[in-house]
C-alpha cells in the first residue's frame, strides 16, 4: 500500500509524509488493515514516521495485526521498545541473522519477538526467505506499508499479489522521495514486465485509490 502525490512522490525531500492523503483515505486503511495478519514496514519508515500500524476507531476492538519491522542492523531497538503508542499488539523485528543474539537476548523487550533472516549478496534482507518464514509462522496475509525502497524490492522479486495505490491531489517537490525507485529493471523490455490488472478504483474526497492485481498470465 502506497500513498502517492500526483507526481509519484511518497514524501518530501526531508521525509515529511504526514499527511499526503485525506482523512477518508486513512479511515479506509483502517478497514484494510483489519483484513491482514500482519503489517510490515522498513527501517526508514519506522524511523521517520514511527507509525502505530494499529487498528483505531470503529476497528479498535478487532484483533490487532502483528507489527513487523525490518531493522537489519537493530538500530531501532530502543525506539521501538519505548514506543508506548504501539504497545497494543505483538511486534516482530526482522534482523540480519549474522548478528549475535546477545545484542538483545539479555534485555527485556516489551512484547517483541526477533526473527533472524539471512541477507543477499547485496547485504539486504532476503525478502523471499522472509516471506517463507512468515508463512511458516502462520502469517499468510501480509500488508506492506513501507517506503519506496521496500515496495520496489518486493515488486522486483515478484513478491506482490496486489497493489493499493492512493493518489492524492497534491504535487510534492521534485527532490522528494519516489514511490517506486529506479531499481526495478535496468533494461526496458515490455515483454518481460509484470502486468497488473485493475481490479477496481474508489474515490475518497480528493484522493483516488486504484487496486491492482497481478496478472498471472504474463
C-alpha atoms as a PDB file:
ATOM      1  CA  UNK A   1       0.000   0.000   0.000  1.00  0.00           C
ATOM      2  CA  UNK A   2       1.397   3.358  -1.040  1.00  0.00           C
ATOM      3  CA  UNK A   3       0.096   6.908  -0.840  1.00  0.00           C
ATOM      4  CA  UNK A   4       1.442   8.950  -3.744  1.00  0.00           C
ATOM      5  CA  UNK A   5       1.352  12.548  -4.865  1.00  0.00           C
ATOM      6  CA  UNK A   6       0.329  13.362  -8.426  1.00  0.00           C
ATOM      7  CA  UNK A   7       3.998  13.281  -9.423  1.00  0.00           C
ATOM      8  CA  UNK A   8       4.636   9.901  -7.775  1.00  0.00           C
ATOM      9  CA  UNK A   9       6.246  11.031  -4.508  1.00  0.00           C
ATOM     10  CA  UNK A  10       5.591   9.456  -1.112  1.00  0.00           C
ATOM     11  CA  UNK A  11       7.380  12.116   0.951  1.00  0.00           C
ATOM     12  CA  UNK A  12       9.192  15.410   0.653  1.00  0.00           C
ATOM     13  CA  UNK A  13      12.968  15.526   0.392  1.00  0.00           C
ATOM     14  CA  UNK A  14      13.135  15.952   4.183  1.00  0.00           C
ATOM     15  CA  UNK A  15      10.978  12.818   4.667  1.00  0.00           C
ATOM     16  CA  UNK A  16       7.730  14.576   5.563  1.00  0.00           C
ATOM     17  CA  UNK A  17       4.742  12.435   4.554  1.00  0.00           C
ATOM     18  CA  UNK A  18       2.003  13.225   7.097  1.00  0.00           C
ATOM     19  CA  UNK A  19      -0.415  13.572   5.523  1.00  0.00           C
ATOM     20  CA  UNK A  20      -0.396  13.130   1.749  1.00  0.00           C
ATOM     21  CA  UNK A  21      -3.884  11.629   1.677  1.00  0.00           C
ATOM     22  CA  UNK A  22      -7.008  12.854   3.453  1.00  0.00           C
ATOM     23  CA  UNK A  23      -8.916  11.583   6.451  1.00  0.00           C
ATOM     24  CA  UNK A  24     -11.351   9.473   4.403  1.00  0.00           C
ATOM     25  CA  UNK A  25      -8.467   7.554   2.812  1.00  0.00           C
ATOM     26  CA  UNK A  26      -6.852   6.982   6.194  1.00  0.00           C
ATOM     27  CA  UNK A  27     -10.126   5.626   7.568  1.00  0.00           C
ATOM     28  CA  UNK A  28     -10.270   3.155   4.673  1.00  0.00           C
ATOM     29  CA  UNK A  29      -6.756   1.988   5.534  1.00  0.00           C
ATOM     30  CA  UNK A  30      -8.034   1.029   8.997  1.00  0.00           C
ATOM     31  CA  UNK A  31     -10.555  -1.305   7.373  1.00  0.00           C
ATOM     32  CA  UNK A  32      -7.848  -2.594   5.027  1.00  0.00           C
ATOM     33  CA  UNK A  33      -5.539  -3.434   7.915  1.00  0.00           C
ATOM     34  CA  UNK A  34      -8.287  -5.401   9.628  1.00  0.00           C
ATOM     35  CA  UNK A  35      -8.116  -7.974   6.803  1.00  0.00           C
ATOM     36  CA  UNK A  36      -4.442  -8.813   7.301  1.00  0.00           C
ATOM     37  CA  UNK A  37      -2.452 -10.919   9.755  1.00  0.00           C
ATOM     38  CA  UNK A  38       0.488  -8.540   9.871  1.00  0.00           C
ATOM     39  CA  UNK A  39       1.771  -5.194   8.634  1.00  0.00           C
ATOM     40  CA  UNK A  40       5.383  -4.695   7.514  1.00  0.00           C
ATOM     41  CA  UNK A  41       7.447  -1.528   7.346  1.00  0.00           C
ATOM     42  CA  UNK A  42      11.129  -0.978   6.636  1.00  0.00           C
ATOM     43  CA  UNK A  43      13.747   0.753   8.738  1.00  0.00           C
ATOM     44  CA  UNK A  44      13.310   4.135   7.081  1.00  0.00           C
ATOM     45  CA  UNK A  45       9.551   4.248   7.553  1.00  0.00           C
ATOM     46  CA  UNK A  46       9.851   3.071  11.153  1.00  0.00           C
ATOM     47  CA  UNK A  47      12.449   5.752  11.908  1.00  0.00           C
ATOM     48  CA  UNK A  48      10.961   8.754  10.111  1.00  0.00           C
ATOM     49  CA  UNK A  49       7.226   8.111  10.539  1.00  0.00           C
ATOM     50  CA  UNK A  50       7.201   5.990  13.710  1.00  0.00           C
ATOM     51  CA  UNK A  51       3.822   4.583  12.583  1.00  0.00           C
ATOM     52  CA  UNK A  52       1.451   2.961  15.055  1.00  0.00           C
ATOM     53  CA  UNK A  53       0.298   0.385  12.480  1.00  0.00           C
ATOM     54  CA  UNK A  54      -2.729  -0.470  14.590  1.00  0.00           C
ATOM     55  CA  UNK A  55      -6.498  -0.573  14.244  1.00  0.00           C
ATOM     56  CA  UNK A  56      -8.239   2.505  15.574  1.00  0.00           C
ATOM     57  CA  UNK A  57     -11.702   3.999  15.701  1.00  0.00           C
ATOM     58  CA  UNK A  58     -14.510   1.545  14.971  1.00  0.00           C
ATOM     59  CA  UNK A  59     -11.966  -1.238  14.317  1.00  0.00           C
ATOM     60  CA  UNK A  60     -10.032  -0.920  17.574  1.00  0.00           C
ATOM     61  CA  UNK A  61     -11.749  -3.882  19.260  1.00  0.00           C
ATOM     62  CA  UNK A  62     -10.739  -6.295  16.488  1.00  0.00           C
ATOM     63  CA  UNK A  63      -7.614  -8.413  16.752  1.00  0.00           C
ATOM     64  CA  UNK A  64      -4.621  -6.207  16.109  1.00  0.00           C
ATOM     65  CA  UNK A  65      -2.363  -7.254  13.215  1.00  0.00           C
ATOM     66  CA  UNK A  66       1.200  -8.102  14.186  1.00  0.00           C
ATOM     67  CA  UNK A  67       3.612  -5.241  13.517  1.00  0.00           C
ATOM     68  CA  UNK A  68       6.705  -6.392  11.616  1.00  0.00           C
ATOM     69  CA  UNK A  69       9.651  -4.014  11.334  1.00  0.00           C
ATOM     70  CA  UNK A  70      12.616  -4.779   9.106  1.00  0.00           C
ATOM     71  CA  UNK A  71      15.606  -3.470  11.059  1.00  0.00           C
ATOM     72  CA  UNK A  72      18.568  -5.334   9.608  1.00  0.00           C
ATOM     73  CA  UNK A  73      21.204  -3.901  11.949  1.00  0.00           C
ATOM     74  CA  UNK A  74      18.931  -3.500  15.010  1.00  0.00           C
ATOM     75  CA  UNK A  75      19.375   0.266  15.046  1.00  0.00           C
ATOM     76  CA  UNK A  76      15.842   0.997  16.247  1.00  0.00           C
ATOM     77  CA  UNK A  77      15.589  -1.285  19.285  1.00  0.00           C
ATOM     78  CA  UNK A  78      15.330   1.479  21.854  1.00  0.00           C
ATOM     79  CA  UNK A  79      12.862   3.496  19.788  1.00  0.00           C
ATOM     80  CA  UNK A  80      10.610   0.503  19.147  1.00  0.00           C
ATOM     81  CA  UNK A  81      10.733  -0.744  22.726  1.00  0.00           C
ATOM     82  CA  UNK A  82       9.949   2.640  24.257  1.00  0.00           C
ATOM     83  CA  UNK A  83       7.133   3.481  21.861  1.00  0.00           C
ATOM     84  CA  UNK A  84       4.112   3.382  24.151  1.00  0.00           C
ATOM     85  CA  UNK A  85       1.762   4.088  21.245  1.00  0.00           C
ATOM     86  CA  UNK A  86       2.422   0.664  19.727  1.00  0.00           C
ATOM     87  CA  UNK A  87       2.194  -1.271  22.993  1.00  0.00           C
ATOM     88  CA  UNK A  88      -1.149  -2.714  21.861  1.00  0.00           C
ATOM     89  CA  UNK A  89      -0.316  -5.779  19.787  1.00  0.00           C
ATOM     90  CA  UNK A  90       2.607  -8.029  19.041  1.00  0.00           C
ATOM     91  CA  UNK A  91       5.763  -6.844  17.294  1.00  0.00           C
ATOM     92  CA  UNK A  92       8.400  -8.744  15.315  1.00  0.00           C
ATOM     93  CA  UNK A  93      11.775  -7.256  14.451  1.00  0.00           C
ATOM     94  CA  UNK A  94      13.431  -8.775  11.382  1.00  0.00           C
ATOM     95  CA  UNK A  95      17.213  -8.583  11.550  1.00  0.00           C
ATOM     96  CA  UNK A  96      20.338  -9.950   9.915  1.00  0.00           C
ATOM     97  CA  UNK A  97      20.758 -13.370  11.469  1.00  0.00           C
ATOM     98  CA  UNK A  98      24.554 -12.919  11.472  1.00  0.00           C
ATOM     99  CA  UNK A  99      24.120 -10.505  14.396  1.00  0.00           C
ATOM    100  CA  UNK A 100      24.868 -12.194  17.701  1.00  0.00           C
ATOM    101  CA  UNK A 101      21.782 -12.778  19.805  1.00  0.00           C
ATOM    102  CA  UNK A 102      23.408 -11.368  22.932  1.00  0.00           C
ATOM    103  CA  UNK A 103      22.766  -7.916  21.467  1.00  0.00           C
ATOM    104  CA  UNK A 104      19.127  -8.279  22.500  1.00  0.00           C
ATOM    105  CA  UNK A 105      18.757 -11.517  24.494  1.00  0.00           C
ATOM    106  CA  UNK A 106      19.800 -10.002  27.821  1.00  0.00           C
ATOM    107  CA  UNK A 107      17.387  -7.092  27.700  1.00  0.00           C
ATOM    108  CA  UNK A 108      13.661  -7.147  28.430  1.00  0.00           C
ATOM    109  CA  UNK A 109      11.725  -6.021  25.374  1.00  0.00           C
ATOM    110  CA  UNK A 110       8.021  -5.348  25.595  1.00  0.00           C
ATOM    111  CA  UNK A 111       6.080  -7.926  23.531  1.00  0.00           C
ATOM    112  CA  UNK A 112       8.780  -8.066  20.859  1.00  0.00           C
ATOM    113  CA  UNK A 113       9.883 -11.204  19.029  1.00  0.00           C
ATOM    114  CA  UNK A 114      13.009 -11.364  16.898  1.00  0.00           C
ATOM    115  CA  UNK A 115      13.284 -13.093  13.528  1.00  0.00           C
ATOM    116  CA  UNK A 116      16.749 -13.594  12.071  1.00  0.00           C
ATOM    117  CA  UNK A 117      16.844 -13.732   8.272  1.00  0.00           C
ATOM    118  CA  UNK A 118      19.901 -14.220   6.014  1.00  0.00           C
ATOM    119  CA  UNK A 119      20.976 -11.427   3.702  1.00  0.00           C
ATOM    120  CA  UNK A 120      21.511 -11.400  -0.044  1.00  0.00           C
ATOM    121  CA  UNK A 121      24.796 -10.814  -1.868  1.00  0.00           C
ATOM    122  CA  UNK A 122      23.963  -7.087  -1.760  1.00  0.00           C
ATOM    123  CA  UNK A 123      23.675  -7.256   2.039  1.00  0.00           C
ATOM    124  CA  UNK A 124      19.900  -6.752   2.088  1.00  0.00           C
ATOM    125  CA  UNK A 125      17.419  -8.886   3.996  1.00  0.00           C
ATOM    126  CA  UNK A 126      16.434 -11.778   1.726  1.00  0.00           C
ATOM    127  CA  UNK A 127      12.749 -10.977   1.223  1.00  0.00           C
ATOM    128  CA  UNK A 128      11.891 -14.323  -0.349  1.00  0.00           C
ATOM    129  CA  UNK A 129      13.175 -16.174   2.703  1.00  0.00           C
ATOM    130  CA  UNK A 130      11.459 -13.659   4.989  1.00  0.00           C
ATOM    131  CA  UNK A 131       8.047 -14.340   3.486  1.00  0.00           C
ATOM    132  CA  UNK A 132       8.574 -18.094   3.600  1.00  0.00           C
ATOM    133  CA  UNK A 133       9.436 -17.820   7.286  1.00  0.00           C
ATOM    134  CA  UNK A 134       6.399 -15.644   7.948  1.00  0.00           C
ATOM    135  CA  UNK A 135       4.183 -18.192   6.202  1.00  0.00           C
ATOM    136  CA  UNK A 136       5.657 -20.904   8.428  1.00  0.00           C
ATOM    137  CA  UNK A 137       4.658 -18.775  11.418  1.00  0.00           C
ATOM    138  CA  UNK A 138       1.091 -18.538  10.133  1.00  0.00           C
ATOM    139  CA  UNK A 139       1.238 -15.093   8.526  1.00  0.00           C
ATOM    140  CA  UNK A 140      -0.319 -15.734   5.126  1.00  0.00           C
ATOM    141  CA  UNK A 141      -1.906 -12.300   4.547  1.00  0.00           C
ATOM    142  CA  UNK A 142       0.630  -9.530   4.943  1.00  0.00           C
ATOM    143  CA  UNK A 143       0.142  -5.854   4.185  1.00  0.00           C
ATOM    144  CA  UNK A 144       3.299  -3.875   3.395  1.00  0.00           C
ATOM    145  CA  UNK A 145       3.186  -0.199   4.299  1.00  0.00           C
ATOM    146  CA  UNK A 146       6.869   0.504   3.839  1.00  0.00           C
ATOM    147  CA  UNK A 147       8.504   3.150   1.705  1.00  0.00           C
ATOM    148  CA  UNK A 148       9.657   3.234  -1.889  1.00  0.00           C
ATOM    149  CA  UNK A 149      12.752   1.107  -1.356  1.00  0.00           C
ATOM    150  CA  UNK A 150      10.866  -1.793   0.177  1.00  0.00           C
ATOM    151  CA  UNK A 151       7.964  -1.521  -2.287  1.00  0.00           C
ATOM    152  CA  UNK A 152      10.345  -1.541  -5.236  1.00  0.00           C
ATOM    153  CA  UNK A 153      12.287  -4.539  -3.936  1.00  0.00           C
ATOM    154  CA  UNK A 154       9.094  -6.538  -3.430  1.00  0.00           C
ATOM    155  CA  UNK A 155       7.965  -5.833  -6.975  1.00  0.00           C
ATOM    156  CA  UNK A 156      11.410  -6.564  -8.383  1.00  0.00           C
ATOM    157  CA  UNK A 157      11.408 -10.027  -6.800  1.00  0.00           C
ATOM    158  CA  UNK A 158       7.757 -10.681  -7.748  1.00  0.00           C
ATOM    159  CA  UNK A 159       6.520 -10.903  -4.166  1.00  0.00           C
ATOM    160  CA  UNK A 160       3.455  -8.696  -4.640  1.00  0.00           C
ATOM    161  CA  UNK A 161      -0.035 -10.078  -5.300  1.00  0.00           C
ATOM    162  CA  UNK A 162      -1.970  -6.821  -5.021  1.00  0.00           C
ATOM    163  CA  UNK A 163      -1.225  -3.090  -5.120  1.00  0.00           C
ATOM    164  CA  UNK A 164      -3.239  -0.482  -3.229  1.00  0.00           C
ATOM    165  CA  UNK A 165      -2.174   2.852  -4.687  1.00  0.00           C
ATOM    166  CA  UNK A 166      -3.673   6.027  -3.262  1.00  0.00           C
ATOM    167  CA  UNK A 167      -3.138   9.119  -5.396  1.00  0.00           C
ATOM    168  CA  UNK A 168      -3.711  12.471  -3.713  1.00  0.00           C
ATOM    169  CA  UNK A 169      -4.323  15.810  -5.402  1.00  0.00           C
ATOM    170  CA  UNK A 170      -1.012  17.301  -4.385  1.00  0.00           C
ATOM    171  CA  UNK A 171       2.352  17.917  -6.037  1.00  0.00           C
ATOM    172  CA  UNK A 172       5.485  17.465  -3.939  1.00  0.00           C
ATOM    173  CA  UNK A 173       8.929  18.890  -4.605  1.00  0.00           C
ATOM    174  CA  UNK A 174      10.879  17.175  -7.358  1.00  0.00           C
ATOM    175  CA  UNK A 175      13.562  16.232  -4.862  1.00  0.00           C
ATOM    176  CA  UNK A 176      11.030  14.252  -2.868  1.00  0.00           C
ATOM    177  CA  UNK A 177      11.126  10.508  -2.314  1.00  0.00           C
ATOM    178  CA  UNK A 178       9.783   8.394  -5.176  1.00  0.00           C
ATOM    179  CA  UNK A 179       7.110   5.806  -4.560  1.00  0.00           C
ATOM    180  CA  UNK A 180       8.934   3.388  -6.853  1.00  0.00           C
ATOM    181  CA  UNK A 181      12.698   3.653  -7.153  1.00  0.00           C
ATOM    182  CA  UNK A 182      14.590   3.060 -10.416  1.00  0.00           C
ATOM    183  CA  UNK A 183      15.762  -0.344  -9.207  1.00  0.00           C
ATOM    184  CA  UNK A 184      13.069  -2.476 -10.822  1.00  0.00           C
ATOM    185  CA  UNK A 185      14.994  -3.004 -14.037  1.00  0.00           C
ATOM    186  CA  UNK A 186      17.971  -1.558 -15.852  1.00  0.00           C
ATOM    187  CA  UNK A 187      16.596  -2.589 -19.257  1.00  0.00           C
ATOM    188  CA  UNK A 188      13.172  -1.658 -20.562  1.00  0.00           C
ATOM    189  CA  UNK A 189      11.625  -4.745 -22.095  1.00  0.00           C
ATOM    190  CA  UNK A 190       7.846  -4.623 -22.117  1.00  0.00           C
ATOM    191  CA  UNK A 191       7.582  -8.310 -22.990  1.00  0.00           C
ATOM    192  CA  UNK A 192       9.100  -9.307 -19.645  1.00  0.00           C
ATOM    193  CA  UNK A 193       7.422  -6.799 -17.360  1.00  0.00           C
ATOM    194  CA  UNK A 194       4.809  -7.891 -14.842  1.00  0.00           C
ATOM    195  CA  UNK A 195       1.329  -6.804 -15.820  1.00  0.00           C
ATOM    196  CA  UNK A 196      -1.238  -5.743 -13.262  1.00  0.00           C
ATOM    197  CA  UNK A 197      -4.989  -5.861 -13.825  1.00  0.00           C
ATOM    198  CA  UNK A 198      -7.138  -3.039 -12.495  1.00  0.00           C
ATOM    199  CA  UNK A 199      -9.496  -4.676 -10.017  1.00  0.00           C
ATOM    200  CA  UNK A 200     -11.413  -1.534  -9.072  1.00  0.00           C
ATOM    201  CA  UNK A 201     -10.999   2.058  -8.045  1.00  0.00           C
ATOM    202  CA  UNK A 202     -12.573   4.218  -5.371  1.00  0.00           C
ATOM    203  CA  UNK A 203     -12.614   7.923  -4.608  1.00  0.00           C
ATOM    204  CA  UNK A 204     -12.199   9.281  -1.111  1.00  0.00           C
ATOM    205  CA  UNK A 205     -12.718  13.012  -1.149  1.00  0.00           C
ATOM    206  CA  UNK A 206      -9.774  14.397  -3.099  1.00  0.00           C
ATOM    207  CA  UNK A 207      -7.973  11.035  -3.275  1.00  0.00           C
ATOM    208  CA  UNK A 208      -8.307   8.103  -5.661  1.00  0.00           C
ATOM    209  CA  UNK A 209      -7.473   4.508  -4.772  1.00  0.00           C
ATOM    210  CA  UNK A 210      -6.539   2.099  -7.554  1.00  0.00           C
ATOM    211  CA  UNK A 211      -6.440  -1.591  -6.647  1.00  0.00           C
ATOM    212  CA  UNK A 212      -4.290  -3.687  -8.976  1.00  0.00           C
ATOM    213  CA  UNK A 213      -3.934  -7.486  -9.049  1.00  0.00           C
ATOM    214  CA  UNK A 214      -1.010  -9.328 -10.571  1.00  0.00           C
ATOM    215  CA  UNK A 215      -1.769 -10.830 -13.983  1.00  0.00           C
ATOM    216  CA  UNK A 216      -0.660 -14.450 -13.692  1.00  0.00           C
ATOM    217  CA  UNK A 217      -0.945 -14.843 -17.450  1.00  0.00           C
ATOM    218  CA  UNK A 218       2.067 -12.556 -18.105  1.00  0.00           C
END
